[in-house]
Amino acid sequence: MEAFTYLSVLLSIILGLAITQVLQGFRGLMLARTRLHTYWPCLSWAVLLLLLDVQAWWAMYDLRFHHDWSFVGFVAVLAQTVPLYLMAGLVLPDIGIEGQVDLRTHYYANHRWFFAILGLMLVTSIAKQVVLFGNLPAPLDLGVQMIFLVVAVIAAWTPREWYHKALIPFSAVTIAAYITVLFPYLH
């Protein structure tokens, strides 16, 4: 068995758990639909997070060409998946069997942690490239990650609703373009 085949199992489990967490959140919302007060930024980030989880798993395939694995290198890769799982645990509320479910209240109660962890994920993504390959990501990749890092820091800091609502279309378009340009095919 190749090293990456072995190592990718744990990465896949963590990303699979993150996806499961978000999907279970959607299931909980469907079951609580009569008690649910929706808030579209919360739902939008749940969908975008699913996309980010799948993109991370997709992009990890390129690591199969890396053959000089060290524990530190693996931890750098692992460190990128852990924030995705933590974000999945924050994006939608745990649904109880009673009481109202207010997504707006949940969103603003957790936005600081959610966006701080998003920023951490971006920092670990850049660090992963440095640890594994000794250089920064390609300019376009680094540029998008730096823009998102700034956006995430602002989103963690500000509770301004207009900012959080404007962030959704910006993020959706940017993430879609990022994937389309940098990760359209497995190579």
C-alpha atoms as a PDB file:
ATOM      1  CA  MET A   1       0.000   0.000   0.000  1.00  0.00           C
ATOM      2  CA  GLU A   2       1.316   3.431  -0.902  1.00  0.00           C
ATOM      3  CA  ALA A   3       1.792   5.962   1.885  1.00  0.00           C
ATOM      4  CA  PHE A   4      -0.793   8.402   0.550  1.00  0.00           C
ATOM      5  CA  THR A   5      -3.377   5.640   0.141  1.00  0.00           C
ATOM      6  CA  TYR A   6      -2.888   4.818   3.804  1.00  0.00           C
ATOM      7  CA  LEU A   7      -2.839   8.434   4.999  1.00  0.00           C
ATOM      8  CA  SER A   8      -5.822   9.509   2.898  1.00  0.00           C
ATOM      9  CA  VAL A   9      -8.109   7.176   4.838  1.00  0.00           C
ATOM     10  CA  LEU A  10      -8.037   9.405   7.926  1.00  0.00           C
ATOM     11  CA  LEU A  11      -8.457  12.547   5.809  1.00  0.00           C
ATOM     12  CA  SER A  12     -11.460  10.988   4.071  1.00  0.00           C
ATOM     13  CA  ILE A  13     -13.017   9.988   7.388  1.00  0.00           C
ATOM     14  CA  ILE A  14     -12.754  13.514   8.786  1.00  0.00           C
ATOM     15  CA  LEU A  15     -14.143  15.100   5.614  1.00  0.00           C
ATOM     16  CA  GLY A  16     -16.867  12.437   5.502  1.00  0.00           C
ATOM     17  CA  LEU A  17     -17.822  13.247   9.083  1.00  0.00           C
ATOM     18  CA  ALA A  18     -17.940  16.955   8.218  1.00  0.00           C
ATOM     19  CA  ILE A  19     -20.268  16.283   5.295  1.00  0.00           C
ATOM     20  CA  THR A  20     -22.386  13.989   7.485  1.00  0.00           C
ATOM     21  CA  GLN A  21     -22.611  16.684  10.166  1.00  0.00           C
ATOM     22  CA  VAL A  22     -23.962  19.252   7.702  1.00  0.00           C
ATOM     23  CA  LEU A  23     -26.385  16.789   6.113  1.00  0.00           C
ATOM     24  CA  GLN A  24     -27.660  15.758   9.544  1.00  0.00           C
ATOM     25  CA  GLY A  25     -28.170  19.451  10.276  1.00  0.00           C
ATOM     26  CA  PHE A  26     -30.324  19.778   7.163  1.00  0.00           C
ATOM     27  CA  ARG A  27     -32.240  16.651   8.193  1.00  0.00           C
ATOM     28  CA  GLY A  28     -32.857  18.178  11.626  1.00  0.00           C
ATOM     29  CA  LEU A  29     -34.140  21.377  10.039  1.00  0.00           C
ATOM     30  CA  MET A  30     -36.525  19.404   7.841  1.00  0.00           C
ATOM     31  CA  LEU A  31     -37.859  17.510  10.842  1.00  0.00           C
ATOM     32  CA  ALA A  32     -38.294  20.756  12.814  1.00  0.00           C
ATOM     33  CA  ARG A  33     -39.793  22.666   9.867  1.00  0.00           C
ATOM     34  CA  THR A  34     -42.933  23.646  11.791  1.00  0.00           C
ATOM     35  CA  ARG A  35     -40.773  25.217  14.535  1.00  0.00           C
ATOM     36  CA  LEU A  36     -38.158  26.689  12.224  1.00  0.00           C
ATOM     37  CA  HIS A  37     -37.395  30.356  11.662  1.00  0.00           C
ATOM     38  CA  THR A  38     -35.126  30.307   8.630  1.00  0.00           C
ATOM     39  CA  TYR A  39     -32.248  32.654   7.930  1.00  0.00           C
ATOM     40  CA  TRP A  40     -30.811  32.363   4.456  1.00  0.00           C
ATOM     41  CA  PRO A  41     -27.177  33.254   5.315  1.00  0.00           C
ATOM     42  CA  CYS A  42     -27.071  30.310   7.725  1.00  0.00           C
ATOM     43  CA  LEU A  43     -28.500  27.928   5.118  1.00  0.00           C
ATOM     44  CA  SER A  44     -26.219  29.355   2.435  1.00  0.00           C
ATOM     45  CA  TRP A  45     -23.085  28.797   4.508  1.00  0.00           C
ATOM     46  CA  ALA A  46     -24.190  25.213   5.136  1.00  0.00           C
ATOM     47  CA  VAL A  47     -24.382  24.639   1.364  1.00  0.00           C
ATOM     48  CA  LEU A  48     -21.072  26.445   0.764  1.00  0.00           C
ATOM     49  CA  LEU A  49     -19.435  24.397   3.490  1.00  0.00           C
ATOM     50  CA  LEU A  50     -20.555  21.190   1.769  1.00  0.00           C
ATOM     51  CA  LEU A  51     -18.928  22.517  -1.394  1.00  0.00           C
ATOM     52  CA  LEU A  52     -15.714  23.378   0.494  1.00  0.00           C
ATOM     53  CA  ASP A  53     -15.618  19.892   2.035  1.00  0.00           C
ATOM     54  CA  VAL A  54     -15.966  18.233  -1.353  1.00  0.00           C
ATOM     55  CA  GLN A  55     -13.395  20.591  -2.894  1.00  0.00           C
ATOM     56  CA  ALA A  56     -10.895  19.784  -0.141  1.00  0.00           C
ATOM     57  CA  TRP A  57     -11.367  16.068  -0.706  1.00  0.00           C
ATOM     58  CA  TRP A  58     -11.064  16.578  -4.488  1.00  0.00           C
ATOM     59  CA  ALA A  59      -7.883  18.655  -4.150  1.00  0.00           C
ATOM     60  CA  MET A  60      -6.267  16.137  -1.785  1.00  0.00           C
ATOM     61  CA  TYR A  61      -6.034  13.717  -4.718  1.00  0.00           C
ATOM     62  CA  ASP A  62      -3.091  15.729  -6.058  1.00  0.00           C
ATOM     63  CA  LEU A  63      -1.136  14.748  -2.957  1.00  0.00           C
ATOM     64  CA  ARG A  64      -0.827  11.196  -4.259  1.00  0.00           C
ATOM     65  CA  PHE A  65       2.279  12.389  -6.132  1.00  0.00           C
ATOM     66  CA  HIS A  66       3.948  13.409  -2.878  1.00  0.00           C
ATOM     67  CA  HIS A  67       6.093  10.469  -1.785  1.00  0.00           C
ATOM     68  CA  ASP A  68       8.319  11.957   0.920  1.00  0.00           C
ATOM     69  CA  TRP A  69       5.806  11.853   3.775  1.00  0.00           C
ATOM     70  CA  SER A  70       6.806  12.846   7.273  1.00  0.00           C
ATOM     71  CA  PHE A  71       4.692  13.041  10.383  1.00  0.00           C
ATOM     72  CA  VAL A  72       4.870  16.856  10.278  1.00  0.00           C
ATOM     73  CA  GLY A  73       3.787  16.840   6.632  1.00  0.00           C
ATOM     74  CA  PHE A  74       0.820  14.609   7.401  1.00  0.00           C
ATOM     75  CA  VAL A  75      -0.170  16.753  10.393  1.00  0.00           C
ATOM     76  CA  ALA A  76      -0.088  19.820   8.110  1.00  0.00           C
ATOM     77  CA  VAL A  77      -2.533  18.096   5.749  1.00  0.00           C
ATOM     78  CA  LEU A  78      -4.654  16.820   8.622  1.00  0.00           C
ATOM     79  CA  ALA A  79      -4.746  20.311  10.122  1.00  0.00           C
ATOM     80  CA  GLN A  80      -6.624  21.537   7.063  1.00  0.00           C
ATOM     81  CA  THR A  81      -9.437  19.003   7.474  1.00  0.00           C
ATOM     82  CA  VAL A  82     -10.063  19.485  11.200  1.00  0.00           C
ATOM     83  CA  PRO A  83     -11.330  23.088  10.845  1.00  0.00           C
ATOM     84  CA  LEU A  84     -13.728  21.929   8.127  1.00  0.00           C
ATOM     85  CA  TYR A  85     -15.205  19.433  10.572  1.00  0.00           C
ATOM     86  CA  LEU A  86     -15.435  22.036  13.347  1.00  0.00           C
ATOM     87  CA  MET A  87     -17.168  24.476  10.999  1.00  0.00           C
ATOM     88  CA  ALA A  88     -19.639  21.720  10.105  1.00  0.00           C
ATOM     89  CA  GLY A  89     -20.489  21.424  13.790  1.00  0.00           C
ATOM     90  CA  LEU A  90     -21.213  25.145  14.030  1.00  0.00           C
ATOM     91  CA  VAL A  91     -22.982  25.988  10.777  1.00  0.00           C
ATOM     92  CA  LEU A  92     -26.377  24.525  11.731  1.00  0.00           C
ATOM     93  CA  PRO A  93     -27.860  24.084  15.205  1.00  0.00           C
ATOM     94  CA  ASP A  94     -28.443  20.825  16.996  1.00  0.00           C
ATOM     95  CA  ILE A  95     -32.192  20.373  16.890  1.00  0.00           C
ATOM     96  CA  GLY A  96     -34.028  19.385  20.045  1.00  0.00           C
ATOM     97  CA  ILE A  97     -37.427  17.753  20.052  1.00  0.00           C
ATOM     98  CA  GLU A  98     -39.063  20.865  21.499  1.00  0.00           C
ATOM     99  CA  GLY A  99     -38.787  24.610  21.154  1.00  0.00           C
ATOM    100  CA  GLN A 100     -38.329  27.027  18.332  1.00  0.00           C
ATOM    101  CA  VAL A 101     -35.331  26.843  16.029  1.00  0.00           C
ATOM    102  CA  ASP A 102     -34.138  30.320  15.071  1.00  0.00           C
ATOM    103  CA  LEU A 103     -31.365  30.185  12.471  1.00  0.00           C
ATOM    104  CA  ARG A 104     -30.639  33.909  12.702  1.00  0.00           C
ATOM    105  CA  THR A 105     -30.014  33.673  16.441  1.00  0.00           C
ATOM    106  CA  HIS A 106     -27.849  30.578  15.905  1.00  0.00           C
ATOM    107  CA  TYR A 107     -25.865  32.264  13.129  1.00  0.00           C
ATOM    108  CA  TYR A 108     -24.915  35.318  15.167  1.00  0.00           C
ATOM    109  CA  ALA A 109     -24.299  33.273  18.314  1.00  0.00           C
ATOM    110  CA  ASN A 110     -21.671  31.285  16.384  1.00  0.00           C
ATOM    111  CA  HIS A 111     -20.407  33.589  13.633  1.00  0.00           C
ATOM    112  CA  ARG A 112     -17.215  34.551  15.483  1.00  0.00           C
ATOM    113  CA  TRP A 113     -16.150  30.944  15.977  1.00  0.00           C
ATOM    114  CA  PHE A 114     -17.271  29.854  12.505  1.00  0.00           C
ATOM    115  CA  PHE A 115     -15.334  32.557  10.661  1.00  0.00           C
ATOM    116  CA  ALA A 116     -12.313  32.371  12.972  1.00  0.00           C
ATOM    117  CA  ILE A 117     -12.111  28.655  12.205  1.00  0.00           C
ATOM    118  CA  LEU A 118     -12.517  29.421   8.483  1.00  0.00           C
ATOM    119  CA  GLY A 119      -9.533  31.747   8.820  1.00  0.00           C
ATOM    120  CA  LEU A 120      -7.607  28.997  10.609  1.00  0.00           C
ATOM    121  CA  MET A 121      -8.426  26.575   7.793  1.00  0.00           C
ATOM    122  CA  LEU A 122      -7.030  29.031   5.247  1.00  0.00           C
ATOM    123  CA  VAL A 123      -3.843  29.544   7.251  1.00  0.00           C
ATOM    124  CA  THR A 124      -3.383  25.767   7.542  1.00  0.00           C
ATOM    125  CA  SER A 125      -3.971  25.394   3.801  1.00  0.00           C
ATOM    126  CA  ILE A 126      -1.143  27.823   3.064  1.00  0.00           C
ATOM    127  CA  ALA A 127       1.067  26.222   5.742  1.00  0.00           C
ATOM    128  CA  LYS A 128       0.411  22.784   4.245  1.00  0.00           C
ATOM    129  CA  GLN A 129       1.888  23.923   0.936  1.00  0.00           C
ATOM    130  CA  VAL A 130       4.950  25.369   2.674  1.00  0.00           C
ATOM    131  CA  VAL A 131       5.522  22.275   4.821  1.00  0.00           C
ATOM    132  CA  LEU A 132       5.041  19.764   2.003  1.00  0.00           C
ATOM    133  CA  PHE A 133       6.656  21.589  -0.901  1.00  0.00           C
ATOM    134  CA  GLY A 134       8.723  24.394   0.620  1.00  0.00           C
ATOM    135  CA  ASN A 135       6.914  27.183  -1.215  1.00  0.00           C
ATOM    136  CA  LEU A 136       3.745  29.237  -1.099  1.00  0.00           C
ATOM    137  CA  PRO A 137       0.753  28.217  -3.205  1.00  0.00           C
ATOM    138  CA  ALA A 138       0.614  29.453  -6.802  1.00  0.00           C
ATOM    139  CA  PRO A 139      -0.183  33.192  -7.024  1.00  0.00           C
ATOM    140  CA  LEU A 140      -3.847  32.784  -8.002  1.00  0.00           C
ATOM    141  CA  ASP A 141      -4.432  30.144  -5.314  1.00  0.00           C
ATOM    142  CA  LEU A 142      -2.630  32.222  -2.673  1.00  0.00           C
ATOM    143  CA  GLY A 143      -4.466  35.374  -3.736  1.00  0.00           C
ATOM    144  CA  VAL A 144      -7.900  33.798  -3.348  1.00  0.00           C
ATOM    145  CA  GLN A 145      -6.944  32.299   0.004  1.00  0.00           C
ATOM    146  CA  MET A 146      -5.615  35.640   1.265  1.00  0.00           C
ATOM    147  CA  ILE A 147      -8.776  37.452   0.151  1.00  0.00           C
ATOM    148  CA  PHE A 148     -10.883  34.866   1.969  1.00  0.00           C
ATOM    149  CA  LEU A 149      -8.668  35.151   5.033  1.00  0.00           C
ATOM    150  CA  VAL A 150      -9.311  38.903   5.215  1.00  0.00           C
ATOM    151  CA  VAL A 151     -13.033  38.383   4.564  1.00  0.00           C
ATOM    152  CA  ALA A 152     -13.198  35.704   7.285  1.00  0.00           C
ATOM    153  CA  VAL A 153     -11.419  37.887   9.848  1.00  0.00           C
ATOM    154  CA  ILE A 154     -13.850  40.733   9.159  1.00  0.00           C
ATOM    155  CA  ALA A 155     -16.825  38.333   9.321  1.00  0.00           C
ATOM    156  CA  ALA A 156     -15.604  36.988  12.671  1.00  0.00           C
ATOM    157  CA  TRP A 157     -15.178  40.504  14.000  1.00  0.00           C
ATOM    158  CA  THR A 158     -18.368  42.218  12.782  1.00  0.00           C
ATOM    159  CA  PRO A 159     -21.966  41.274  13.530  1.00  0.00           C
ATOM    160  CA  ARG A 160     -23.200  43.690  10.858  1.00  0.00           C
ATOM    161  CA  GLU A 161     -25.974  41.912   9.007  1.00  0.00           C
ATOM    162  CA  TRP A 162     -25.379  43.716   5.720  1.00  0.00           C
ATOM    163  CA  TYR A 163     -21.793  42.413   5.660  1.00  0.00           C
ATOM    164  CA  HIS A 164     -22.828  38.826   6.342  1.00  0.00           C
ATOM    165  CA  LYS A 165     -25.558  38.975   3.707  1.00  0.00           C
ATOM    166  CA  ALA A 166     -23.213  40.515   1.113  1.00  0.00           C
ATOM    167  CA  LEU A 167     -20.615  37.890   1.921  1.00  0.00           C
ATOM    168  CA  ILE A 168     -22.814  35.054   0.639  1.00  0.00           C
ATOM    169  CA  PRO A 169     -22.979  35.966  -3.077  1.00  0.00           C
ATOM    170  CA  PHE A 170     -19.329  37.078  -3.002  1.00  0.00           C
ATOM    171  CA  SER A 171     -18.294  33.752  -1.452  1.00  0.00           C
ATOM    172  CA  ALA A 172     -20.458  31.657  -3.750  1.00  0.00           C
ATOM    173  CA  VAL A 173     -19.079  33.288  -6.894  1.00  0.00           C
ATOM    174  CA  THR A 174     -15.486  33.263  -5.634  1.00  0.00           C
ATOM    175  CA  ILE A 175     -15.591  29.624  -4.510  1.00  0.00           C
ATOM    176  CA  ALA A 176     -17.213  28.536  -7.780  1.00  0.00           C
ATOM    177  CA  ALA A 177     -14.600  30.428  -9.807  1.00  0.00           C
ATOM    178  CA  TYR A 178     -11.776  29.064  -7.628  1.00  0.00           C
ATOM    179  CA  ILE A 179     -12.890  25.487  -8.208  1.00  0.00           C
ATOM    180  CA  THR A 180     -13.585  26.041 -11.906  1.00  0.00           C
ATOM    181  CA  VAL A 181     -10.185  27.586 -12.600  1.00  0.00           C
ATOM    182  CA  LEU A 182      -7.881  25.632 -10.267  1.00  0.00           C
ATOM    183  CA  PHE A 183      -9.571  22.282  -9.724  1.00  0.00           C
ATOM    184  CA  PRO A 184     -11.770  21.379 -12.718  1.00  0.00           C
ATOM    185  CA  TYR A 185     -10.302  17.886 -13.307  1.00  0.00           C
ATOM    186  CA  LEU A 186      -8.471  15.181 -11.451  1.00  0.00           C
ATOM    187  CA  HIS A 187      -5.015  14.826 -12.912  1.00  0.00           C
END
